């Protein structure tokens, strides 16, 4: 029993934490052609067979596969190929030209003598001008013979006519014979002394059966493994891991290592991909021989089961992005049968234990230029590529934009949920009972027929040049179903385009010829390096080319993807351009040189000795738009405190939590001193707070007894306005929250009268006793009688999301009393999130514009003091969160900035493929149920979003409809419910998720999405103000949302976005360095605040965090 337990957990853990791609159309011949092994002579198969005592049961990485390295080992100018094998000899093939390859493994002496080879890197370790080969080894936990091997190239012997180089194994002599569970290695000069050091990536022997929540395991040294940093001492390497700040513990389940200068200081940084529950590592080079691990400070989240990784500049802004792979399928069937997500509560435990925020998907970390990153994989279309290994970022078609290749597939579907159920059911399965006994009479191989086997296609994600990628694997000729692992690119035929080599499990290796050259469609510039001293290949050099006002940048590191390495040198695609205007190279010793103009379609050699200038890093923005003054202006009490409530415990199928949408900030001169003050609305258990501005522009907390009395209520919205006509600002608060077990008294509207001196007292006698979970309180003069009436928006019914809540319209009687005229005017609206009174049709009265959850943008036109006509913007049904009126085009009528969910989300919506939600008490237990229907990324048909376990837990009667995961994966909404049930359900639709501007065109309207940066995360906080003094209103957008289940992920990529109005309905985004804004957290409200000198400050409310205060520098 003890012997089987780790494997059982392994299956269950992978199911909790760990297809065919889109087929592009077209008649053009594929760009890549799979070469025939019989014609090329490239005969290699990484054959892996489960044995009785050594199999996926005893070694969890049994199906991880091997790598491939490309490089010219015999100096004939052609890149050669070296493959690693898990259970057989490694192979070296010399490139004979004309797509002919010769197996010279035996002659060269590089087959290897170890048990299980994994990663491979070609590098000139001894700086003699010949590429050496470093092979990582791993294998059976109980087995020996796992030392890594270093094959030193002796060159081609002149005494013979053979051009086959010979190698001597010398890992021990060089101090690189580590005997851990090695995955890969990267060679680079981390300390700037001119030679190549080595980062060795190790996996771990320990079972991932227990997350270390309470022990500082990461800081403990694993004497049998752990990652290692080896410093090159000239004739050997020494382990400097601890003194350099490298983690060497046994929870480092390393599967990928990538090196790049991420912050532009020419010191190489390191990104490590870790499998299972350990977070990835991001080591920032301090330039003094040490690293600082800063993943949590610089990224929003990371992949849960990170596999391979690569780093390159994908948007051509000069700052490299990080891409990591995971195991998320993009099609409905494999998503439903292969993937089970961890419970929501586990996220908070992992964060407290410093495992960072993790998500089961590929991650693309967009670099802001200072090595701070925004995760945007869902936005750009690269999040789901199935069971993925290698990630390679290179230019398929030489158009100047780097594309993404992902190798894909695993020999057996380890996480198939029906198989997990089968092997976990000891009571029903005699073979399982035998296997878990101490005697282990059963042979694990007896179970292999029950474990599905599915070859899947690799992904070729083509860069569209606008931060969007499209999978064109089929059109490019790269969609052959396979079990692909390590992969590397290189120009094997020296024609200027990059070919591709892939190491497969139990299949012949793939050799793809890139035939771009035959099309004569795009040019290239190939660069080789002649370095100095102990780094003759110039590893770590950075090359930038400039052509036609655009730039490209690449960094020269050879370890790439998964267990693989690319040949020395760089290839730039130049598209149709005939020349490169200039080329700038910065060498690892920070000397630089500039060349150009240079004709394209040529190969050039860069010589370090020719570099005479010194490189100086570009200084960070020294004059940003905003300056933060929080500590100076706000007291420490100015912070929002959220109460703890897990919505999913009560409504498991909610699309997202509703209880974390605060705070709301209300501004105005409360005490009549001509200075603007603010009220901060708090969650349940905290009193609302009044902060008065002083003559110096600072704020102090003014206690209000009535706020203390009402602190058990959750104040979700409110407004400061003169309700009773006495010249001061009164306060109306809408309470709410999603805690349905609370009594009605906790959801009442509260009306507070101002005594004229900034003291409030409650007076609910003149207000109707209206209750609900409210989203907005919006004063406006409906009947043009000079006083302010109030619209109060209903957000949702607590505990019954999807049923229509009540919104209210209160008519001001002129004396501070109110009449409820809802039924006469507005009727049923929907789940309102924001509203604004504006004269939308220029007829002199106030109309009401509304947005909401699953609602179209709606305008209630005022006709004679009544909201008599409802106008909806066609196709605008969205997950709207906020709105702000502003005359953005200065044409005299109000436009509207509308906050929405954005595009960086698993949920996509369009008119053709809308999101739908069906709400009904399907099981007749007195409580409504929610069924979300969506189109998975690679499907043209919609399916229920919920997994089988979640849906049948909510609706147990559906178990008979889908006894197995395979059966459930084929079910659509109409297969699960009868026609009567479907007809009776309340139906909602969303077809537009972009944050946008609603342009007012004199009573007609046009909806226009804001730039892509505005779609990085949900937007809740909007300000419109002229930030740059050009007389045009600019925009601030703040947002993010964390109250999401693990299968959806954490939306955290908005850091406070400033959009500059360029006129003509165009906006451009400022970088964080330009704006001075880098704000983390869930931004919920933003308000301009007039300072004593008449200028404006900007107040930002963040959920469960201190308020932030910013001013313009100019």
Foldseek 3Di string as FASTA:
>chain_A
DVLQVLLLLVLVQCQAAFDAFFADDDDDAFLKDWDDCVVAVQFDFQAADDDQVFHCSQPVCRFQFAAKAWAQQLPPPFIWMWIFHFAFFIWTWDQPFPNHTDTCCVVQVRRDDAHGWHFKYWDQQQQPPGTKMKIFAAGGPPDFRRWTWIWHWPYADPVDPDSRIHTDTCCVQQVRRQRAHWHYKFWDDQQLPPATWMKTAHAASDRPNDDPLPDPQQQDADPRWFIFTWDGPNRHTDTPQVVQPHGGGRQARWWEKEWAQQQQPLRIWMWTFGAAQAAIWTWHRPNHSHTDTQPQPAEQEAARGWHYKYWFCQQQPPGIKIKTATAAAQALQCNQFQHHHDFPVVQVSSVSSPRHFHFGWIWIWPRLNRRRTFTFCLQQPHTHFHHWHFWDWAAQQLQQGTWIKTQDFTFWSSNRPQLSVVLVCCVVDVLSVLCPDPVRPHRCVVCVVVTDGWFWFIFIWHDPSASHTGTHCNSNVRGDGFQWHYKEWDQRNPQQGIWIWTHGHRDTTTTMDRPSSVVVFWWKEKEFEQEDDNRRRLQSKKKWWADPRGIGIDHFIFRGTGSYGYYRIDMHRDGPDQWTAKMKMQTSSQFIDMDDGGGTRDYDYDYPVPGDHGHDGDDFQPAFFWDFDPVPAEDPVQAEAADDDFLCVLFVPDQFFDFQQDDDKEWDQAAPPPFIWIWIFYAAPDFIWTWDADQVRHTDTDDAPVSVVLRRAHFQEKYWDDQFPPPHTWIKTATAGQAQVDDQVSGFIWTWDRPNRNYTDTDCPQEDGDGAHWAYWEWFQLQPPPHTWIKIFHAAHRSAGPPFDDIWTWDRPNRNHTDTCCVVAPPTAGRWREKYWFQLQPPPGTWMWTDAALHFTWIQDRDNSGSHDIDGDPFRRFHWHYKDWDQQQPPPGIKMFIWFFFSSWQAAAAPQWKKKKWWDPQQPPPGIHIWIWGARPRGSDIATPDHPVSVCVVVVVQCVQDVGSSSNSPDHPPSRDPPVSRVPIDMGIHHDGAGWMWDRPNNDTDTGHARNLSRQGTWAEKDWDQSPPPPGTKMKTFFWDARRTSNIGGRWSGQIWTWHRPHPPHTDIDRCSNNVTGHTAGWHYKDWGQGSVRATKMWIHGGNTRIIIMHTPD
